[in-house]
């Protein structure tokens, strides 16, 4: 049976990150995210809307959710031709991975290794207040050729960092999206753990 909703994401890395976060809520949700994801190849809302129009014509009652980076521009509309649109309040999805302990766990570094914390302190804004993180170019920061990967001497698997995050480390934006995905993909609420319950809405 096909999934009850279509999840549109900009690229495979976005899908891997979302699937990793979904695992913090439940394995059924993580599986549903993987099965329902359609990769757009960029911030292409018009392409998502056109694809969703075709799919929903053939599958009445189908839901659709398109997840977009803000990319320094205006938020996308909340919906487009029946397709729900979720735009991150921060510039890039990658910025929600900037949790030193989670990166440390994902890389399986020794406990005494302080490189991740030092690198993030060097490259993040002096104040890590939310308004200073909204426009941070986290995509460049965490890229395979970015300063964090260069400083560590290895690339970062962003999906693995997402999987390594604990429920209490997930940002409220992430918790909100997980709940929307759970509802759209018809994953029973009883299956979802404290990931969404712990965080402010």
N, C-alpha and C. Protein backbone atom coordinates (compact mmCIF):
# COMPACT_ATOMS: atom_id res chain seq x y z
N UNK A 1 0.85 -1.20 0.00
CA UNK A 1 0.00 0.00 0.00
C UNK A 1 0.88 1.25 0.00
N UNK A 2 0.62 2.21 -0.90
CA UNK A 2 1.46 3.43 -0.94
C UNK A 2 1.23 4.29 0.30
N UNK A 3 2.21 5.12 0.66
CA UNK A 3 2.05 5.98 1.84
C UNK A 3 0.85 6.91 1.67
N UNK A 4 0.22 7.33 2.78
CA UNK A 4 -0.95 8.21 2.70
C UNK A 4 -0.60 9.67 2.43
N UNK A 5 0.69 9.97 2.34
CA UNK A 5 1.13 11.35 2.10
C UNK A 5 2.43 11.32 1.31
N UNK A 6 2.71 12.43 0.64
CA UNK A 6 3.97 12.60 -0.08
C UNK A 6 4.76 13.68 0.64
N UNK A 7 6.03 13.39 0.92
CA UNK A 7 6.93 14.35 1.56
C UNK A 7 7.94 14.83 0.53
N UNK A 8 7.91 16.12 0.23
CA UNK A 8 8.84 16.70 -0.74
C UNK A 8 10.02 17.33 -0.01
N UNK A 9 11.22 16.97 -0.41
CA UNK A 9 12.44 17.53 0.21
C UNK A 9 13.36 18.03 -0.90
N UNK A 10 14.24 18.94 -0.53
CA UNK A 10 15.10 19.56 -1.54
C UNK A 10 16.15 18.60 -2.10
N UNK A 11 16.70 17.72 -1.25
CA UNK A 11 17.75 16.83 -1.72
C UNK A 11 17.86 15.60 -0.86
N UNK A 12 18.69 14.62 -1.26
CA UNK A 12 18.84 13.39 -0.50
C UNK A 12 19.37 13.61 0.91
N UNK A 13 20.21 14.64 1.07
CA UNK A 13 20.74 14.91 2.40
C UNK A 13 19.64 15.37 3.35
N UNK A 14 18.72 16.19 2.83
CA UNK A 14 17.58 16.63 3.64
C UNK A 14 16.75 15.43 4.08
N UNK A 15 16.51 14.51 3.13
CA UNK A 15 15.75 13.31 3.47
C UNK A 15 16.45 12.50 4.56
N UNK A 16 17.76 12.34 4.45
CA UNK A 16 18.51 11.57 5.45
C UNK A 16 18.44 12.23 6.82
N UNK A 17 18.51 13.57 6.85
CA UNK A 17 18.43 14.29 8.12
C UNK A 17 17.05 14.10 8.74
N UNK A 18 16.00 14.25 7.93
CA UNK A 18 14.64 14.09 8.46
C UNK A 18 14.40 12.67 8.95
N UNK A 19 14.90 11.70 8.21
CA UNK A 19 14.75 10.31 8.64
C UNK A 19 15.49 10.07 9.96
N UNK A 20 16.68 10.68 10.09
CA UNK A 20 17.43 10.54 11.33
C UNK A 20 16.69 11.11 12.52
N UNK A 21 16.11 12.31 12.35
CA UNK A 21 15.33 12.90 13.44
C UNK A 21 14.10 12.07 13.74
N UNK A 22 13.46 11.55 12.71
CA UNK A 22 12.25 10.74 12.92
C UNK A 22 12.55 9.53 13.78
N UNK A 23 13.77 9.00 13.69
CA UNK A 23 14.14 7.84 14.52
C UNK A 23 14.11 8.18 16.00
N UNK A 24 14.34 9.48 16.33
CA UNK A 24 14.27 9.89 17.74
C UNK A 24 12.84 9.80 18.24
N UNK A 25 11.87 9.81 17.31
CA UNK A 25 10.47 9.69 17.70
C UNK A 25 10.02 8.24 17.64
N UNK A 26 10.24 7.59 16.51
CA UNK A 26 9.85 6.18 16.39
C UNK A 26 10.39 5.59 15.10
N UNK A 27 10.65 4.29 15.12
CA UNK A 27 11.10 3.60 13.91
C UNK A 27 10.02 3.59 12.83
N UNK A 28 8.73 3.38 13.18
CA UNK A 28 7.70 3.44 12.13
C UNK A 28 7.67 4.80 11.43
N UNK A 29 7.87 5.89 12.19
CA UNK A 29 7.88 7.21 11.57
C UNK A 29 9.08 7.35 10.64
N UNK A 30 10.24 6.86 11.07
CA UNK A 30 11.44 6.93 10.23
C UNK A 30 11.23 6.16 8.92
N UNK A 31 10.61 4.99 9.00
CA UNK A 31 10.34 4.20 7.79
C UNK A 31 9.37 4.93 6.87
N UNK A 32 8.34 5.53 7.47
CA UNK A 32 7.34 6.25 6.68
C UNK A 32 7.95 7.46 5.98
N UNK A 33 8.86 8.15 6.65
CA UNK A 33 9.56 9.29 6.04
C UNK A 33 10.35 8.82 4.83
N UNK A 34 11.08 7.74 4.97
CA UNK A 34 11.89 7.22 3.86
C UNK A 34 11.00 6.83 2.68
N UNK A 35 9.90 6.14 2.95
CA UNK A 35 9.04 5.62 1.88
C UNK A 35 8.28 6.73 1.15
N UNK A 36 7.98 7.82 1.84
CA UNK A 36 7.13 8.86 1.25
C UNK A 36 7.91 9.99 0.59
N UNK A 37 9.24 10.01 0.78
CA UNK A 37 10.04 11.16 0.34
C UNK A 37 10.21 11.21 -1.18
N UNK A 38 10.03 12.41 -1.72
CA UNK A 38 10.30 12.70 -3.13
C UNK A 38 11.32 13.83 -3.17
N UNK A 39 12.43 13.61 -3.87
CA UNK A 39 13.52 14.58 -3.91
C UNK A 39 13.32 15.55 -5.07
N UNK A 40 13.33 16.84 -4.77
CA UNK A 40 13.04 17.87 -5.76
C UNK A 40 14.26 18.32 -6.55
N UNK A 41 15.44 18.20 -5.96
CA UNK A 41 16.64 18.72 -6.63
C UNK A 41 16.79 20.21 -6.46
N UNK A 42 16.42 20.72 -5.27
CA UNK A 42 16.53 22.15 -5.00
C UNK A 42 15.24 22.69 -4.39
N UNK A 43 15.25 24.00 -4.16
CA UNK A 43 14.09 24.65 -3.54
C UNK A 43 13.04 24.95 -4.62
N UNK A 44 12.32 23.91 -5.02
CA UNK A 44 11.46 24.01 -6.20
C UNK A 44 10.01 23.71 -5.80
N UNK A 45 9.37 24.70 -5.22
CA UNK A 45 7.99 24.54 -4.78
C UNK A 45 7.06 24.29 -5.96
N UNK A 46 7.27 24.96 -7.09
CA UNK A 46 6.39 24.77 -8.25
C UNK A 46 6.45 23.33 -8.75
N UNK A 47 7.63 22.74 -8.73
CA UNK A 47 7.75 21.34 -9.16
C UNK A 47 7.00 20.42 -8.19
N UNK A 48 7.13 20.69 -6.89
CA UNK A 48 6.41 19.89 -5.90
C UNK A 48 4.90 20.00 -6.09
N UNK A 49 4.41 21.23 -6.30
CA UNK A 49 2.97 21.45 -6.46
C UNK A 49 2.45 20.73 -7.70
N UNK A 50 3.22 20.76 -8.80
CA UNK A 50 2.79 20.10 -10.04
C UNK A 50 2.75 18.58 -9.85
N UNK A 51 3.76 18.04 -9.20
CA UNK A 51 3.80 16.59 -8.95
C UNK A 51 2.66 16.18 -8.04
N UNK A 52 2.41 16.99 -7.00
CA UNK A 52 1.35 16.66 -6.05
C UNK A 52 -0.03 16.71 -6.72
N UNK A 53 -0.22 17.66 -7.63
CA UNK A 53 -1.50 17.75 -8.35
C UNK A 53 -1.76 16.47 -9.13
N UNK A 54 -0.73 15.95 -9.78
CA UNK A 54 -0.88 14.69 -10.53
C UNK A 54 -1.18 13.52 -9.60
N UNK A 55 -0.42 13.44 -8.51
CA UNK A 55 -0.59 12.32 -7.58
C UNK A 55 -1.95 12.35 -6.90
N UNK A 56 -2.36 13.53 -6.45
CA UNK A 56 -3.63 13.61 -5.71
C UNK A 56 -4.84 13.40 -6.64
N UNK A 57 -4.68 13.69 -7.93
CA UNK A 57 -5.77 13.41 -8.87
C UNK A 57 -5.99 11.90 -9.00
N UNK A 58 -4.90 11.15 -8.91
CA UNK A 58 -5.00 9.69 -9.02
C UNK A 58 -5.28 9.02 -7.67
N UNK A 59 -4.99 9.73 -6.59
CA UNK A 59 -5.16 9.15 -5.24
C UNK A 59 -5.93 10.13 -4.36
N UNK A 60 -7.24 10.16 -4.47
CA UNK A 60 -8.05 11.10 -3.67
C UNK A 60 -7.76 10.94 -2.17
N UNK A 61 -7.70 12.09 -1.50
CA UNK A 61 -7.42 12.07 -0.07
C UNK A 61 -5.95 12.11 0.28
N UNK A 62 -5.09 12.06 -0.74
CA UNK A 62 -3.64 12.10 -0.51
C UNK A 62 -3.25 13.43 0.12
N UNK A 63 -2.37 13.39 1.11
CA UNK A 63 -1.83 14.61 1.70
C UNK A 63 -0.42 14.85 1.17
N UNK A 64 0.00 16.11 1.19
CA UNK A 64 1.34 16.44 0.74
C UNK A 64 1.97 17.49 1.64
N UNK A 65 3.26 17.32 1.93
CA UNK A 65 4.00 18.26 2.76
C UNK A 65 5.34 18.52 2.09
N UNK A 66 5.64 19.80 1.83
CA UNK A 66 6.89 20.19 1.19
C UNK A 66 7.75 20.94 2.21
N UNK A 67 8.96 20.46 2.45
CA UNK A 67 9.86 21.04 3.46
C UNK A 67 10.97 21.80 2.75
N UNK A 68 11.05 23.10 3.03
CA UNK A 68 11.99 23.97 2.32
C UNK A 68 12.91 24.73 3.27
N UNK A 69 14.15 24.96 2.84
CA UNK A 69 15.02 25.91 3.51
C UNK A 69 14.49 27.32 3.26
N UNK A 70 14.78 28.23 4.19
CA UNK A 70 14.41 29.62 3.97
C UNK A 70 15.41 30.30 3.04
N UNK A 71 16.68 29.86 3.10
CA UNK A 71 17.73 30.35 2.19
C UNK A 71 17.90 31.86 2.20
N UNK A 72 17.61 32.52 3.30
CA UNK A 72 17.83 33.95 3.37
C UNK A 72 16.75 34.77 2.71
N UNK A 73 15.76 34.11 2.08
CA UNK A 73 14.67 34.84 1.43
C UNK A 73 13.42 34.83 2.28
N UNK A 74 12.30 35.13 1.64
CA UNK A 74 11.03 35.13 2.33
C UNK A 74 10.55 33.69 2.52
N UNK A 75 9.72 33.50 3.55
CA UNK A 75 9.11 32.19 3.74
C UNK A 75 8.20 31.89 2.55
N UNK A 76 8.14 30.60 2.19
CA UNK A 76 7.19 30.18 1.15
C UNK A 76 5.78 30.26 1.73
N UNK A 77 4.75 30.30 0.89
CA UNK A 77 3.39 30.31 1.41
C UNK A 77 3.10 29.05 2.22
N UNK A 78 2.11 29.11 3.09
CA UNK A 78 1.79 27.96 3.94
C UNK A 78 1.21 26.79 3.18
N UNK A 79 0.68 27.05 1.99
CA UNK A 79 0.18 25.97 1.16
C UNK A 79 0.21 26.41 -0.30
N UNK A 80 0.22 25.42 -1.19
CA UNK A 80 0.22 25.71 -2.63
C UNK A 80 -0.60 24.63 -3.31
N UNK A 81 -1.79 25.02 -3.78
CA UNK A 81 -2.68 24.08 -4.48
C UNK A 81 -2.91 22.80 -3.68
N UNK A 82 -3.22 22.96 -2.38
CA UNK A 82 -3.53 21.81 -1.54
C UNK A 82 -2.31 21.16 -0.90
N UNK A 83 -1.13 21.58 -1.31
CA UNK A 83 0.11 21.04 -0.76
C UNK A 83 0.53 21.91 0.43
N UNK A 84 0.72 21.30 1.60
CA UNK A 84 1.17 22.05 2.78
C UNK A 84 2.66 22.32 2.65
N UNK A 85 3.07 23.53 3.00
CA UNK A 85 4.49 23.92 2.88
C UNK A 85 5.03 24.28 4.26
N UNK A 86 6.15 23.67 4.61
CA UNK A 86 6.83 23.95 5.88
C UNK A 86 8.18 24.57 5.54
N UNK A 87 8.40 25.81 5.99
CA UNK A 87 9.69 26.48 5.77
C UNK A 87 10.40 26.63 7.10
N UNK A 88 11.64 26.21 7.16
CA UNK A 88 12.41 26.33 8.40
C UNK A 88 12.55 27.80 8.78
N UNK A 89 12.49 28.09 10.09
CA UNK A 89 12.67 29.48 10.52
C UNK A 89 14.12 29.91 10.39
N UNK A 90 15.04 28.93 10.43
CA UNK A 90 16.45 29.22 10.16
C UNK A 90 16.72 29.08 8.66
N UNK A 91 17.87 29.58 8.24
CA UNK A 91 18.19 29.61 6.81
C UNK A 91 18.28 28.23 6.18
N UNK A 92 18.92 27.28 6.90
CA UNK A 92 19.15 25.94 6.36
C UNK A 92 18.78 24.87 7.37
N UNK A 93 18.33 23.73 6.89
CA UNK A 93 18.02 22.59 7.76
C UNK A 93 19.28 22.17 8.55
N UNK A 94 20.46 22.33 7.93
CA UNK A 94 21.70 21.89 8.58
C UNK A 94 21.96 22.61 9.90
N UNK A 95 21.42 23.82 10.07
CA UNK A 95 21.72 24.57 11.28
C UNK A 95 21.15 23.90 12.53
N UNK A 96 20.15 23.03 12.36
CA UNK A 96 19.55 22.34 13.51
C UNK A 96 20.41 21.16 13.97
N UNK A 97 21.51 20.91 13.25
CA UNK A 97 22.44 19.83 13.62
C UNK A 97 23.62 20.33 14.44
N UNK A 98 23.68 21.64 14.69
CA UNK A 98 24.86 22.22 15.34
C UNK A 98 24.82 22.01 16.86
N UNK A 99 24.81 20.75 17.24
CA UNK A 99 24.79 20.34 18.65
C UNK A 99 26.09 19.57 18.90
N UNK A 100 27.05 20.18 19.59
CA UNK A 100 28.38 19.55 19.73
C UNK A 100 28.34 18.10 20.21
N UNK A 101 27.52 17.82 21.24
CA UNK A 101 27.49 16.46 21.78
C UNK A 101 27.00 15.46 20.75
N UNK A 102 26.02 15.85 19.93
CA UNK A 102 25.49 14.94 18.92
C UNK A 102 26.52 14.68 17.82
N UNK A 103 27.23 15.73 17.40
CA UNK A 103 28.28 15.55 16.39
C UNK A 103 29.37 14.64 16.94
N UNK A 104 29.73 14.85 18.18
CA UNK A 104 30.75 14.05 18.85
C UNK A 104 30.34 12.58 18.87
N UNK A 105 29.08 12.31 19.24
CA UNK A 105 28.60 10.92 19.27
C UNK A 105 28.56 10.31 17.88
N UNK A 106 28.11 11.11 16.88
CA UNK A 106 28.01 10.59 15.52
C UNK A 106 29.38 10.20 14.97
N UNK A 107 30.41 10.95 15.33
CA UNK A 107 31.76 10.67 14.86
C UNK A 107 32.47 9.61 15.70
N UNK A 108 31.84 9.22 16.82
CA UNK A 108 32.41 8.22 17.74
C UNK A 108 33.81 8.61 18.20
N UNK A 109 33.92 9.88 18.57
CA UNK A 109 35.21 10.38 19.04
C UNK A 109 35.41 10.01 20.50
N UNK A 110 36.67 9.87 20.94
CA UNK A 110 36.92 9.60 22.35
C UNK A 110 36.36 10.72 23.23
N UNK A 111 36.00 10.40 24.45
CA UNK A 111 35.35 11.37 25.34
C UNK A 111 36.20 12.62 25.56
N UNK A 112 37.53 12.45 25.60
CA UNK A 112 38.41 13.58 25.90
C UNK A 112 38.67 14.47 24.67
N UNK A 113 38.22 14.05 23.49
CA UNK A 113 38.49 14.79 22.25
C UNK A 113 37.58 16.03 22.21
N UNK A 114 38.18 17.21 22.29
CA UNK A 114 37.39 18.44 22.35
C UNK A 114 37.36 19.22 21.05
N UNK A 115 37.76 18.59 19.94
CA UNK A 115 37.87 19.32 18.67
C UNK A 115 36.53 19.87 18.17
N UNK A 116 35.47 19.08 18.31
CA UNK A 116 34.17 19.53 17.79
C UNK A 116 33.73 20.81 18.49
N UNK A 117 33.79 20.82 19.81
CA UNK A 117 33.39 22.01 20.57
C UNK A 117 34.24 23.21 20.21
N UNK A 118 35.56 22.99 20.08
CA UNK A 118 36.46 24.10 19.75
C UNK A 118 36.15 24.66 18.35
N UNK A 119 35.91 23.78 17.40
CA UNK A 119 35.63 24.22 16.03
C UNK A 119 34.31 24.99 15.95
N UNK A 120 33.30 24.50 16.66
CA UNK A 120 32.02 25.19 16.63
C UNK A 120 32.12 26.55 17.32
N UNK A 121 32.87 26.62 18.41
CA UNK A 121 33.06 27.91 19.09
C UNK A 121 33.74 28.90 18.15
N UNK A 122 34.67 28.41 17.34
CA UNK A 122 35.42 29.28 16.45
C UNK A 122 34.56 29.80 15.29
N UNK A 123 33.62 28.97 14.82
CA UNK A 123 32.90 29.31 13.59
C UNK A 123 31.46 29.74 13.79
N UNK A 124 30.93 29.56 14.99
CA UNK A 124 29.56 30.01 15.25
C UNK A 124 29.57 31.44 15.76
N UNK A 125 28.44 32.15 15.64
CA UNK A 125 28.38 33.51 16.20
C UNK A 125 28.69 33.49 17.69
N UNK A 126 29.27 34.59 18.18
CA UNK A 126 29.63 34.66 19.60
C UNK A 126 28.44 34.37 20.49
N UNK A 127 27.28 34.94 20.13
CA UNK A 127 26.06 34.61 20.87
C UNK A 127 25.29 33.59 20.07
N UNK A 128 24.97 32.48 20.71
CA UNK A 128 24.22 31.44 20.01
C UNK A 128 22.72 31.64 20.18
N UNK A 129 22.31 32.91 20.37
CA UNK A 129 20.89 33.20 20.49
C UNK A 129 20.21 32.88 19.17
N UNK A 130 18.91 32.59 19.25
CA UNK A 130 18.18 32.14 18.07
C UNK A 130 18.27 33.15 16.92
N UNK A 131 18.16 34.43 17.22
CA UNK A 131 18.17 35.41 16.12
C UNK A 131 19.52 35.46 15.41
N UNK A 132 20.60 35.08 16.09
CA UNK A 132 21.91 35.07 15.44
C UNK A 132 22.10 33.83 14.58
N UNK A 133 21.34 32.78 14.85
CA UNK A 133 21.46 31.54 14.09
C UNK A 133 20.54 31.52 12.87
N UNK A 134 19.57 32.43 12.83
CA UNK A 134 18.58 32.39 11.75
C UNK A 134 19.21 32.52 10.36
N UNK A 135 20.26 33.33 10.24
CA UNK A 135 20.85 33.58 8.92
C UNK A 135 22.22 32.93 8.73
N UNK A 136 22.59 32.05 9.65
CA UNK A 136 23.88 31.37 9.55
C UNK A 136 23.91 30.45 8.32
N UNK A 137 25.02 30.46 7.60
CA UNK A 137 25.18 29.57 6.44
C UNK A 137 25.69 28.21 6.91
N UNK A 138 24.79 27.45 7.51
CA UNK A 138 25.17 26.15 8.07
C UNK A 138 25.48 25.14 6.97
N UNK A 139 24.90 25.32 5.80
CA UNK A 139 25.19 24.41 4.67
C UNK A 139 26.68 24.46 4.34
N UNK A 140 27.25 25.67 4.29
CA UNK A 140 28.69 25.83 4.02
C UNK A 140 29.51 25.32 5.20
N UNK A 141 29.05 25.62 6.41
CA UNK A 141 29.79 25.26 7.61
C UNK A 141 29.98 23.75 7.73
N UNK A 142 28.92 22.98 7.38
CA UNK A 142 28.97 21.52 7.56
C UNK A 142 29.23 20.77 6.26
N UNK A 143 29.57 21.49 5.19
CA UNK A 143 29.84 20.84 3.91
C UNK A 143 31.09 19.95 4.00
N UNK A 144 31.22 19.03 3.04
CA UNK A 144 32.38 18.13 3.02
C UNK A 144 33.69 18.89 2.94
N UNK A 145 33.66 20.09 2.32
CA UNK A 145 34.86 20.90 2.21
C UNK A 145 34.80 22.11 3.15
N UNK A 146 33.85 22.11 4.08
CA UNK A 146 33.67 23.24 4.98
C UNK A 146 34.68 23.24 6.12
N UNK A 147 34.67 24.28 6.94
CA UNK A 147 35.67 24.43 8.00
C UNK A 147 35.61 23.36 9.08
N UNK A 148 34.42 22.83 9.38
CA UNK A 148 34.33 21.80 10.42
C UNK A 148 34.96 20.50 9.92
N UNK A 149 34.61 20.10 8.70
CA UNK A 149 35.18 18.87 8.14
C UNK A 149 36.70 19.01 7.97
N UNK A 150 37.14 20.18 7.53
CA UNK A 150 38.60 20.38 7.36
C UNK A 150 39.30 20.32 8.71
N UNK A 151 38.69 20.93 9.73
CA UNK A 151 39.31 20.92 11.05
C UNK A 151 39.38 19.54 11.67
N UNK A 152 38.41 18.68 11.32
CA UNK A 152 38.39 17.32 11.86
C UNK A 152 39.15 16.33 10.99
N UNK A 153 39.43 16.77 9.74
CA UNK A 153 40.12 15.87 8.82
C UNK A 153 39.23 14.77 8.27
N UNK A 154 37.92 14.98 8.30
CA UNK A 154 36.98 13.98 7.78
C UNK A 154 35.65 14.65 7.49
N UNK A 155 34.91 14.09 6.53
CA UNK A 155 33.60 14.65 6.21
C UNK A 155 32.58 14.24 7.26
N UNK A 156 31.47 14.96 7.29
CA UNK A 156 30.43 14.73 8.27
C UNK A 156 29.22 14.09 7.59
N UNK A 157 28.78 12.95 8.10
CA UNK A 157 27.55 12.33 7.60
C UNK A 157 26.39 12.96 8.37
N UNK A 158 25.68 13.88 7.72
CA UNK A 158 24.68 14.66 8.43
C UNK A 158 23.49 13.82 8.90
N UNK A 159 23.13 12.80 8.12
CA UNK A 159 22.07 11.90 8.57
C UNK A 159 22.45 11.18 9.84
N UNK A 160 23.73 10.84 9.96
CA UNK A 160 24.20 10.15 11.17
C UNK A 160 24.16 11.09 12.38
N UNK A 161 24.48 12.37 12.16
CA UNK A 161 24.38 13.34 13.26
C UNK A 161 22.93 13.45 13.72
N UNK A 162 21.99 13.52 12.75
CA UNK A 162 20.57 13.60 13.11
C UNK A 162 20.15 12.37 13.93
N UNK A 163 20.61 11.19 13.52
CA UNK A 163 20.26 9.96 14.25
C UNK A 163 20.86 9.96 15.65
N UNK A 164 22.01 10.62 15.82
CA UNK A 164 22.68 10.63 17.12
C UNK A 164 22.06 11.62 18.10
N UNK A 165 21.17 12.49 17.60
CA UNK A 165 20.58 13.50 18.48
C UNK A 165 19.54 12.88 19.41
N UNK A 166 19.56 13.33 20.65
CA UNK A 166 18.59 12.85 21.64
C UNK A 166 17.36 13.74 21.60
N UNK A 167 16.22 13.21 22.06
CA UNK A 167 14.98 13.99 21.99
C UNK A 167 15.11 15.39 22.57
N UNK A 168 15.82 15.51 23.69
CA UNK A 168 15.95 16.83 24.33
C UNK A 168 16.87 17.77 23.57
N UNK A 169 17.59 17.26 22.56
CA UNK A 169 18.47 18.10 21.76
C UNK A 169 17.79 18.62 20.49
N UNK A 170 16.59 18.15 20.21
CA UNK A 170 15.88 18.58 19.01
C UNK A 170 15.26 19.95 19.22
N UNK A 171 15.45 20.82 18.24
CA UNK A 171 14.88 22.16 18.28
C UNK A 171 13.36 22.08 18.16
N UNK A 172 12.66 23.10 18.66
CA UNK A 172 11.20 23.12 18.60
C UNK A 172 10.69 23.07 17.16
N UNK A 173 11.42 23.67 16.21
CA UNK A 173 11.03 23.59 14.79
C UNK A 173 11.00 22.14 14.33
N UNK A 174 12.02 21.37 14.75
CA UNK A 174 12.11 19.96 14.36
C UNK A 174 10.96 19.18 15.00
N UNK A 175 10.68 19.45 16.26
CA UNK A 175 9.58 18.76 16.94
C UNK A 175 8.25 19.04 16.25
N UNK A 176 8.05 20.29 15.85
CA UNK A 176 6.81 20.65 15.16
C UNK A 176 6.67 19.89 13.84
N UNK A 177 7.76 19.83 13.07
CA UNK A 177 7.71 19.12 11.80
C UNK A 177 7.47 17.62 12.00
N UNK A 178 8.12 17.03 13.00
CA UNK A 178 7.91 15.60 13.27
C UNK A 178 6.44 15.32 13.57
N UNK A 179 5.80 16.21 14.31
CA UNK A 179 4.38 16.01 14.63
C UNK A 179 3.53 16.13 13.36
N UNK A 180 3.85 17.08 12.50
CA UNK A 180 3.10 17.21 11.24
C UNK A 180 3.29 15.97 10.37
N UNK A 181 4.50 15.46 10.32
CA UNK A 181 4.77 14.26 9.55
C UNK A 181 4.03 13.05 10.13
N UNK A 182 4.03 12.94 11.45
CA UNK A 182 3.32 11.83 12.09
C UNK A 182 1.85 11.84 11.71
N UNK A 183 1.23 13.03 11.75
CA UNK A 183 -0.19 13.13 11.42
C UNK A 183 -0.44 12.83 9.94
N UNK A 184 0.40 13.38 9.06
CA UNK A 184 0.19 13.19 7.62
C UNK A 184 0.44 11.75 7.20
N UNK A 185 1.42 11.09 7.84
CA UNK A 185 1.78 9.72 7.46
C UNK A 185 1.02 8.67 8.26
N UNK A 186 0.09 9.14 9.12
CA UNK A 186 -0.79 8.25 9.89
C UNK A 186 -0.02 7.28 10.79
N UNK A 187 1.05 7.78 11.40
CA UNK A 187 1.78 6.98 12.38
C UNK A 187 1.09 7.17 13.72
N UNK A 188 0.67 6.08 14.38
CA UNK A 188 -0.08 6.22 15.63
C UNK A 188 0.68 7.02 16.68
N UNK A 189 -0.06 7.88 17.38
CA UNK A 189 0.58 8.75 18.39
C UNK A 189 1.22 7.94 19.49
N UNK A 190 0.63 6.81 19.83
CA UNK A 190 1.16 5.98 20.92
C UNK A 190 2.57 5.50 20.63
N UNK A 191 2.92 5.41 19.32
CA UNK A 191 4.24 4.92 18.94
C UNK A 191 5.31 5.98 19.15
N UNK A 192 4.91 7.25 19.05
CA UNK A 192 5.87 8.33 19.11
C UNK A 192 6.32 8.55 20.55
N UNK A 193 7.63 8.63 20.74
CA UNK A 193 8.17 8.80 22.07
C UNK A 193 8.19 10.26 22.49
N UNK A 194 8.96 10.57 23.53
CA UNK A 194 8.95 11.90 24.10
C UNK A 194 9.60 12.97 23.24
N UNK A 195 10.07 12.64 22.05
CA UNK A 195 10.77 13.63 21.22
C UNK A 195 9.95 14.89 21.04
N UNK A 196 8.69 14.76 20.69
CA UNK A 196 7.87 15.95 20.46
C UNK A 196 7.28 16.48 21.77
N UNK A 197 7.07 15.62 22.74
CA UNK A 197 6.42 16.04 23.98
C UNK A 197 7.30 16.95 24.81
N UNK A 198 8.61 16.76 24.73
CA UNK A 198 9.53 17.51 25.59
C UNK A 198 9.72 18.96 25.18
N UNK A 199 9.42 19.26 23.93
CA UNK A 199 9.84 20.55 23.39
C UNK A 199 8.71 21.55 23.33
N UNK A 200 9.03 22.83 23.54
CA UNK A 200 8.00 23.86 23.44
C UNK A 200 7.51 23.99 22.02
N UNK A 201 6.26 24.36 21.87
CA UNK A 201 5.68 24.58 20.53
C UNK A 201 5.67 26.06 20.24
